[in-house]
C-alpha atoms as a PDB file:
ATOM      1  CA  MET A   1      43.200 143.889 194.537  1.00  0.00           C
ATOM      2  CA  GLN A   2      44.524 140.524 193.602  1.00  0.00           C
ATOM      3  CA  HIS A   3      44.520 139.529 190.136  1.00  0.00           C
ATOM      4  CA  ALA A   4      43.857 135.617 189.746  1.00  0.00           C
ATOM      5  CA  ILE A   5      45.942 134.076 187.704  1.00  0.00           C
ATOM      6  CA  GLU A   6      45.544 131.440 185.043  1.00  0.00           C
ATOM      7  CA  PRO A   7      46.979 128.397 184.350  1.00  0.00           C
ATOM      8  CA  HIS A   8      49.051 128.258 181.804  1.00  0.00           C
ATOM      9  CA  THR A   9      47.273 125.873 178.724  1.00  0.00           C
ATOM     10  CA  PRO A  10      49.649 124.919 176.474  1.00  0.00           C
ATOM     11  CA  PRO A  11      49.426 125.861 172.254  1.00  0.00           C
ATOM     12  CA  LYS A  12      47.187 124.149 170.040  1.00  0.00           C
ATOM     13  CA  THR A  13      48.625 121.793 167.304  1.00  0.00           C
ATOM     14  CA  SER A  14      47.563 120.841 163.893  1.00  0.00           C
ATOM     15  CA  PRO A  15      46.796 117.070 163.652  1.00  0.00           C
ATOM     16  CA  TYR A  16      48.047 117.953 159.977  1.00  0.00           C
ATOM     17  CA  LEU A  17      51.474 118.808 160.914  1.00  0.00           C
ATOM     18  CA  ASP A  18      51.932 115.894 163.920  1.00  0.00           C
ATOM     19  CA  ALA A  19      51.356 113.493 161.040  1.00  0.00           C
ATOM     20  CA  ARG A  20      54.087 115.448 159.154  1.00  0.00           C
ATOM     21  CA  LYS A  21      56.336 115.929 161.859  1.00  0.00           C
ATOM     22  CA  GLU A  22      55.641 111.683 162.815  1.00  0.00           C
ATOM     23  CA  TRP A  23      56.628 110.979 159.092  1.00  0.00           C
ATOM     24  CA  ASP A  24      59.300 112.290 158.383  1.00  0.00           C
ATOM     25  CA  GLU A  25      61.053 111.171 161.149  1.00  0.00           C
ATOM     26  CA  ARG A  26      60.328 107.704 160.008  1.00  0.00           C
ATOM     27  CA  TYR A  27      60.148 107.607 157.066  1.00  0.00           C
ATOM     28  CA  GLY A  28      62.938 110.660 156.255  1.00  0.00           C
ATOM     29  CA  SER A  29      66.011 109.135 156.574  1.00  0.00           C
ATOM     30  CA  LEU A  30      64.889 106.251 154.245  1.00  0.00           C
ATOM     31  CA  ILE A  31      63.736 108.121 151.003  1.00  0.00           C
ATOM     32  CA  SER A  32      67.382 110.308 151.741  1.00  0.00           C
ATOM     33  CA  ARG A  33      69.336 106.696 151.128  1.00  0.00           C
ATOM     34  CA  ALA A  34      67.312 106.413 148.688  1.00  0.00           C
ATOM     35  CA  ASN A  35      68.620 108.931 146.772  1.00  0.00           C
ATOM     36  CA  ASN A  36      71.789 108.852 147.676  1.00  0.00           C
ATOM     37  CA  TRP A  37      71.729 104.901 146.415  1.00  0.00           C
ATOM     38  CA  ARG A  38      70.171 106.225 142.772  1.00  0.00           C
ATOM     39  CA  ARG A  39      72.638 108.380 142.773  1.00  0.00           C
ATOM     40  CA  ALA A  40      75.609 106.055 143.852  1.00  0.00           C
ATOM     41  CA  ALA A  41      73.878 103.378 141.463  1.00  0.00           C
ATOM     42  CA  PHE A  42      73.743 106.382 138.452  1.00  0.00           C
ATOM     43  CA  VAL A  43      77.055 107.169 138.625  1.00  0.00           C
ATOM     44  CA  ALA A  44      77.786 103.888 138.709  1.00  0.00           C
ATOM     45  CA  LEU A  45      75.979 102.280 135.737  1.00  0.00           C
ATOM     46  CA  THR A  46      77.627 106.181 134.188  1.00  0.00           C
ATOM     47  CA  ILE A  47      81.478 104.612 134.440  1.00  0.00           C
ATOM     48  CA  ALA A  48      80.165 100.845 133.358  1.00  0.00           C
ATOM     49  CA  LEU A  49      78.810 102.969 129.888  1.00  0.00           C
ATOM     50  CA  LEU A  50      81.781 104.601 129.165  1.00  0.00           C
ATOM     51  CA  GLU A  51      84.750 102.066 129.856  1.00  0.00           C
ATOM     52  CA  THR A  52      82.356  99.916 127.178  1.00  0.00           C
ATOM     53  CA  GLY A  53      81.646 102.415 125.691  1.00  0.00           C
ATOM     54  CA  GLY A  54      86.126 102.503 125.189  1.00  0.00           C
ATOM     55  CA  LEU A  55      87.119  98.657 124.521  1.00  0.00           C
ATOM     56  CA  ILE A  56      84.271  99.210 122.017  1.00  0.00           C
ATOM     57  CA  ALA A  57      86.388 101.957 119.929  1.00  0.00           C
ATOM     58  CA  LEU A  58      89.431 100.632 120.617  1.00  0.00           C
ATOM     59  CA  ALA A  59      88.194  96.901 119.448  1.00  0.00           C
ATOM     60  CA  MET A  60      86.572  97.995 116.021  1.00  0.00           C
ATOM     61  CA  LYS A  61      90.523 100.371 116.142  1.00  0.00           C
ATOM     62  CA  THR A  62      92.637  97.184 117.087  1.00  0.00           C
ATOM     63  CA  LYS A  63      94.217  95.077 113.030  1.00  0.00           C
ATOM     64  CA  VAL A  64      96.297  91.707 112.527  1.00  0.00           C
ATOM     65  CA  VAL A  65      99.542  93.435 110.956  1.00  0.00           C
ATOM     66  CA  PRO A  66     100.789  89.977 109.043  1.00  0.00           C
ATOM     67  CA  TYR A  67     104.073  90.205 109.741  1.00  0.00           C
ATOM     68  CA  VAL A  68     106.820  88.884 106.326  1.00  0.00           C
ATOM     69  CA  VAL A  69     109.638  86.915 106.773  1.00  0.00           C
ATOM     70  CA  ALA A  70     111.889  86.911 103.062  1.00  0.00           C
ATOM     71  CA  ILE A  71     114.266  83.395 102.475  1.00  0.00           C
ATOM     72  CA  ASP A  72     116.694  82.439 100.292  1.00  0.00           C
ATOM     73  CA  ASN A  73     116.966  79.362  99.137  1.00  0.00           C
ATOM     74  CA  LEU A  74     119.254  78.079 102.357  1.00  0.00           C
ATOM     75  CA  GLY A  75     116.266  79.325 104.766  1.00  0.00           C
ATOM     76  CA  ARG A  76     118.522  82.649 105.765  1.00  0.00           C
ATOM     77  CA  THR A  77     116.475  85.370 106.211  1.00  0.00           C
ATOM     78  CA  VAL A  78     116.285  88.038 103.120  1.00  0.00           C
ATOM     79  CA  ALA A  79     114.456  90.620 105.237  1.00  0.00           C
ATOM     80  CA  SER A  80     111.467  90.848 107.293  1.00  0.00           C
ATOM     81  CA  GLY A  81     109.268  93.530 108.354  1.00  0.00           C
ATOM     82  CA  PRO A  82     105.645  94.164 108.534  1.00  0.00           C
ATOM     83  CA  ALA A  83     103.738  93.584 104.979  1.00  0.00           C
ATOM     84  CA  ASP A  84     101.491  96.862 105.124  1.00  0.00           C
ATOM     85  CA  GLN A  85     103.798  99.415 106.182  1.00  0.00           C
ATOM     86  CA  THR A  86     105.612 101.818 103.270  1.00  0.00           C
ATOM     87  CA  THR A  87     108.857 102.054 104.649  1.00  0.00           C
ATOM     88  CA  ALA A  88     112.409 100.981 103.590  1.00  0.00           C
ATOM     89  CA  VAL A  89     112.530  97.344 104.299  1.00  0.00           C
ATOM     90  CA  ASP A  90     109.481  97.098 101.888  1.00  0.00           C
ATOM     91  CA  ASP A  91     112.187  97.882  98.720  1.00  0.00           C
ATOM     92  CA  LYS A  92     114.362  94.710 100.345  1.00  0.00           C
ATOM     93  CA  LEU A  93     111.116  92.408 100.215  1.00  0.00           C
ATOM     94  CA  LYS A  94     110.023  93.379  96.872  1.00  0.00           C
ATOM     95  CA  ARG A  95     113.760  92.497  95.386  1.00  0.00           C
ATOM     96  CA  ALA A  96     113.919  89.377  97.433  1.00  0.00           C
ATOM     97  CA  ALA A  97     110.189  88.410  95.478  1.00  0.00           C
ATOM     98  CA  LEU A  98     111.804  88.942  92.186  1.00  0.00           C
ATOM     99  CA  PHE A  99     114.759  86.551  93.258  1.00  0.00           C
ATOM    100  CA  HIS A 100     112.896  83.757  94.196  1.00  0.00           C
ATOM    101  CA  TRP A 101     110.283  84.686  90.989  1.00  0.00           C
ATOM    102  CA  VAL A 102     112.893  85.030  87.923  1.00  0.00           C
ATOM    103  CA  SER A 103     115.188  81.760  89.223  1.00  0.00           C
ATOM    104  CA  ASP A 104     111.503  80.205  89.441  1.00  0.00           C
ATOM    105  CA  LEU A 105     110.813  81.590  85.848  1.00  0.00           C
ATOM    106  CA  ARG A 106     114.107  80.528  83.698  1.00  0.00           C
ATOM    107  CA  MET A 107     115.112  77.111  86.772  1.00  0.00           C
ATOM    108  CA  VAL A 108     114.578  73.998  83.915  1.00  0.00           C
ATOM    109  CA  THR A 109     115.255  70.834  86.146  1.00  0.00           C
ATOM    110  CA  ILE A 110     114.269  66.539  85.324  1.00  0.00           C
ATOM    111  CA  ASP A 111     112.801  66.579  88.912  1.00  0.00           C
ATOM    112  CA  GLY A 112     108.994  67.518  87.281  1.00  0.00           C
ATOM    113  CA  VAL A 113     107.637  68.067  90.542  1.00  0.00           C
ATOM    114  CA  ALA A 114     110.268  70.415  91.064  1.00  0.00           C
ATOM    115  CA  GLN A 115     109.437  71.983  88.053  1.00  0.00           C
ATOM    116  CA  ARG A 116     105.625  72.016  88.740  1.00  0.00           C
ATOM    117  CA  LYS A 117     105.935  73.663  91.476  1.00  0.00           C
ATOM    118  CA  ALA A 118     107.870  76.730  90.194  1.00  0.00           C
ATOM    119  CA  ILE A 119     105.703  77.442  87.444  1.00  0.00           C
ATOM    120  CA  ASP A 120     102.923  77.577  89.942  1.00  0.00           C
ATOM    121  CA  ARG A 121     104.982  79.901  91.883  1.00  0.00           C
ATOM    122  CA  VAL A 122     105.699  82.151  87.896  1.00  0.00           C
ATOM    123  CA  TYR A 123     101.796  83.019  87.887  1.00  0.00           C
ATOM    124  CA  THR A 124     101.691  83.231  91.115  1.00  0.00           C
ATOM    125  CA  MET A 125     102.850  86.048  91.457  1.00  0.00           C
ATOM    126  CA  ILE A 126     101.404  86.917  87.678  1.00  0.00           C
ATOM    127  CA  ALA A 127      99.065  90.146  86.952  1.00  0.00           C
ATOM    128  CA  SER A 128      95.524  88.503  85.894  1.00  0.00           C
ATOM    129  CA  GLY A 129      95.290  89.735  82.121  1.00  0.00           C
ATOM    130  CA  SER A 130      98.528  91.556  82.363  1.00  0.00           C
ATOM    131  CA  PRO A 131     101.202  91.814  79.307  1.00  0.00           C
ATOM    132  CA  ALA A 132     103.817  89.845  81.817  1.00  0.00           C
ATOM    133  CA  GLN A 133     101.355  86.528  81.518  1.00  0.00           C
ATOM    134  CA  VAL A 134     100.922  86.823  77.637  1.00  0.00           C
ATOM    135  CA  GLU A 135     104.877  86.860  77.967  1.00  0.00           C
ATOM    136  CA  VAL A 136     106.101  84.130  80.265  1.00  0.00           C
ATOM    137  CA  GLY A 137     102.769  82.671  78.418  1.00  0.00           C
ATOM    138  CA  ASP A 138     104.793  82.681  75.352  1.00  0.00           C
ATOM    139  CA  PHE A 139     107.879  81.732  76.181  1.00  0.00           C
ATOM    140  CA  TYR A 140     107.059  78.271  78.376  1.00  0.00           C
ATOM    141  CA  ARG A 141     104.680  77.721  75.014  1.00  0.00           C
ATOM    142  CA  LEU A 142     107.966  78.398  73.171  1.00  0.00           C
ATOM    143  CA  ALA A 143     110.307  76.273  74.591  1.00  0.00           C
ATOM    144  CA  PRO A 144     108.634  74.613  77.857  1.00  0.00           C
ATOM    145  CA  PRO A 145     111.054  72.689  79.987  1.00  0.00           C
ATOM    146  CA  HIS A 146     109.689  69.857  80.869  1.00  0.00           C
ATOM    147  CA  GLU A 147     110.658  68.873  76.863  1.00  0.00           C
ATOM    148  CA  ARG A 148     114.074  71.024  77.721  1.00  0.00           C
ATOM    149  CA  ALA A 149     114.758  69.103  80.724  1.00  0.00           C
ATOM    150  CA  GLN A 150     115.200  65.851  78.432  1.00  0.00           C
ATOM    151  CA  THR A 151     119.137  66.809  77.378  1.00  0.00           C
ATOM    152  CA  ARG A 152     119.814  69.482  80.011  1.00  0.00           C
ATOM    153  CA  THR A 153     119.501  71.541  82.773  1.00  0.00           C
ATOM    154  CA  VAL A 154     119.484  75.148  83.612  1.00  0.00           C
ATOM    155  CA  ASP A 155     120.516  76.260  87.402  1.00  0.00           C
ATOM    156  CA  VAL A 156     119.871  80.550  87.636  1.00  0.00           C
ATOM    157  CA  GLU A 157     121.624  82.688  89.756  1.00  0.00           C
ATOM    158  CA  VAL A 158     120.599  85.802  90.620  1.00  0.00           C
ATOM    159  CA  LYS A 159     122.882  88.498  91.120  1.00  0.00           C
ATOM    160  CA  ALA A 160     121.496  91.683  91.178  1.00  0.00           C
ATOM    161  CA  ALA A 161     118.164  93.408  91.802  1.00  0.00           C
ATOM    162  CA  PHE A 162     118.075  97.223  91.735  1.00  0.00           C
ATOM    163  CA  ALA A 163     115.223  99.208  91.134  1.00  0.00           C
ATOM    164  CA  THR A 164     115.252 102.137  88.194  1.00  0.00           C
ATOM    165  CA  SER A 165     112.205 103.529  88.655  1.00  0.00           C
ATOM    166  CA  GLU A 166     108.631 103.003  91.321  1.00  0.00           C
ATOM    167  CA  LYS A 167     107.687 100.753  90.276  1.00  0.00           C
ATOM    168  CA  THR A 168     110.313  99.011  87.687  1.00  0.00           C
ATOM    169  CA  TYR A 169     113.459  97.065  88.976  1.00  0.00           C
ATOM    170  CA  GLN A 170     116.031  95.591  86.506  1.00  0.00           C
ATOM    171  CA  VAL A 171     117.238  91.634  87.361  1.00  0.00           C
ATOM    172  CA  GLU A 172     120.915  90.732  86.793  1.00  0.00           C
ATOM    173  CA  TRP A 173     121.121  86.571  87.467  1.00  0.00           C
ATOM    174  CA  SER A 174     123.223  84.085  84.944  1.00  0.00           C
ATOM    175  CA  GLU A 175     122.995  80.650  84.492  1.00  0.00           C
ATOM    176  CA  THR A 176     123.986  77.417  83.819  1.00  0.00           C
ATOM    177  CA  VAL A 177     123.789  75.364  81.488  1.00  0.00           C
ATOM    178  CA  ARG A 178     123.877  71.268  82.157  1.00  0.00           C
ATOM    179  CA  GLY A 179     123.940  67.453  80.005  1.00  0.00           C
ATOM    180  CA  LEU A 180     122.118  65.312  82.382  1.00  0.00           C
ATOM    181  CA  SER A 181     124.992  63.414  84.090  1.00  0.00           C
ATOM    182  CA  GLY A 182     125.859  67.022  85.229  1.00  0.00           C
ATOM    183  CA  GLN A 183     128.427  68.634  83.164  1.00  0.00           C
ATOM    184  CA  VAL A 184     129.438  71.769  82.591  1.00  0.00           C
ATOM    185  CA  GLU A 185     127.618  72.797  79.035  1.00  0.00           C
ATOM    186  CA  GLY A 186     127.853  76.996  79.300  1.00  0.00           C
ATOM    187  CA  GLU A 187     127.123  79.655  81.034  1.00  0.00           C
ATOM    188  CA  GLU A 188     125.329  82.368  79.998  1.00  0.00           C
ATOM    189  CA  ARG A 189     124.109  86.269  81.552  1.00  0.00           C
ATOM    190  CA  TRP A 190     120.840  87.052  81.468  1.00  0.00           C
ATOM    191  CA  LYS A 191     119.635  90.915  82.598  1.00  0.00           C
ATOM    192  CA  GLY A 192     115.646  92.178  82.644  1.00  0.00           C
ATOM    193  CA  SER A 193     113.356  94.629  83.414  1.00  0.00           C
ATOM    194  CA  PHE A 194     109.697  93.829  85.143  1.00  0.00           C
ATOM    195  CA  THR A 195     107.907  96.424  86.991  1.00  0.00           C
ATOM    196  CA  ILE A 196     105.524  95.174  89.597  1.00  0.00           C
ATOM    197  CA  ALA A 197     102.461  96.449  91.348  1.00  0.00           C
ATOM    198  CA  VAL A 198     102.217  95.684  95.216  1.00  0.00           C
ATOM    199  CA  ASN A 199      97.767  94.145  95.957  1.00  0.00           C
ATOM    200  CA  PRO A 200      98.022  93.661  99.860  1.00  0.00           C
ATOM    201  CA  PRO A 201      95.721  90.348 100.065  1.00  0.00           C
ATOM    202  CA  SER A 202      92.965  89.925 102.330  1.00  0.00           C
ATOM    203  CA  ASP A 203      91.947  86.490 101.625  1.00  0.00           C
ATOM    204  CA  GLU A 204      93.079  83.572 103.270  1.00  0.00           C
ATOM    205  CA  ARG A 205      93.644  81.682 100.128  1.00  0.00           C
ATOM    206  CA  LEU A 206      95.554  84.185  98.400  1.00  0.00           C
ATOM    207  CA  ILE A 207      97.949  85.209 102.197  1.00  0.00           C
ATOM    208  CA  ARG A 208      98.824  81.471 101.766  1.00  0.00           C
ATOM    209  CA  LEU A 209      99.492  82.462  98.034  1.00  0.00           C
ATOM    210  CA  ASN A 210     101.062  85.453  97.465  1.00  0.00           C
ATOM    211  CA  PRO A 211     101.708  86.742 100.787  1.00  0.00           C
ATOM    212  CA  LEU A 212     103.327  90.625  99.948  1.00  0.00           C
ATOM    213  CA  GLY A 213     101.256  90.830  97.352  1.00  0.00           C
ATOM    214  CA  ILE A 214     103.347  91.657  94.324  1.00  0.00           C
ATOM    215  CA  TYR A 215     102.337  91.145  90.906  1.00  0.00           C
ATOM    216  CA  VAL A 216     104.425  91.547  88.391  1.00  0.00           C
ATOM    217  CA  THR A 217     102.384  92.848  84.987  1.00  0.00           C
ATOM    218  CA  ASN A 218     105.315  93.704  82.928  1.00  0.00           C
ATOM    219  CA  VAL A 219     108.592  92.075  81.767  1.00  0.00           C
ATOM    220  CA  SER A 220     111.548  91.687  79.051  1.00  0.00           C
ATOM    221  CA  TRP A 221     114.234  90.243  79.174  1.00  0.00           C
ATOM    222  CA  SER A 222     118.046  89.663  76.898  1.00  0.00           C
ATOM    223  CA  ARG A 223     120.852  87.300  77.213  1.00  0.00           C
ATOM    224  CA  VAL A 224     124.005  89.658  77.744  1.00  0.00           C
ATOM    225  CA  LEU A 225     126.514  89.066  75.411  1.00  0.00           C
END
C-alpha cells in the first residue's frame, strides 16, 4: 500500500518579523553610522574643551616680568636683572639706585632745570611720611640748592656703597666745591647710613618714576674729618 506524498509547504512567517527585518536592513546601517559620528563628535568636542581649558590656565599663569637695567652718568650699564627676582643681582641694583640718589641729593648746579629734576628724583625715592622725608626736607630748607648755586657748585662722586644689614646701606662719597668760575675751593669726604624698603610698583605712573620700587625710609650723614 502506497502512501500519498503531501506537497511541501513553506513555514509561515509573521508579518511583524518581515517588517522588522526589512527595517533593520534599510535603516540599521544608517543608525549605526549615525551613532559612530555622534561618538566621534563627542570625542572631538571633549578634546577641544580640554585644549581650551589648558590655554586658559596658561594664560592665567602668564605674567609680565619687568627687566630693569641700571646705568651710570656716562650711560654705562651698572647692573641689570628681573625686578621681581630675589637674587644676588638685587643688591647691585639697590646699591646703584643709592649711588644716583645720594648724588642727586647732594649736588649743587647753576643749571636750574637740572637741579629741579635732581630734587624731583630724590623725593621720588623717599617713602611718604618717613623720617627720611623730614630729614631731607630740613636739609633743603636749611641749605637751599638754588641759593648755594649763586656762589658755588658741588660735584658729587660716590665712592662706595655696601650693606650693613638686610635693609641698611652705608655710602661713602666725596664732594668737590667749585666757584662760579670753575676753580676748586675745597674737597670734602662724607659718609652716610641709608635704610631702604622695596615695594615693586604695579601702577604705570609709578613704574616710570621708580621702576625698582626702592624707597629710602631713614637717613643720616656726616662729614669725614
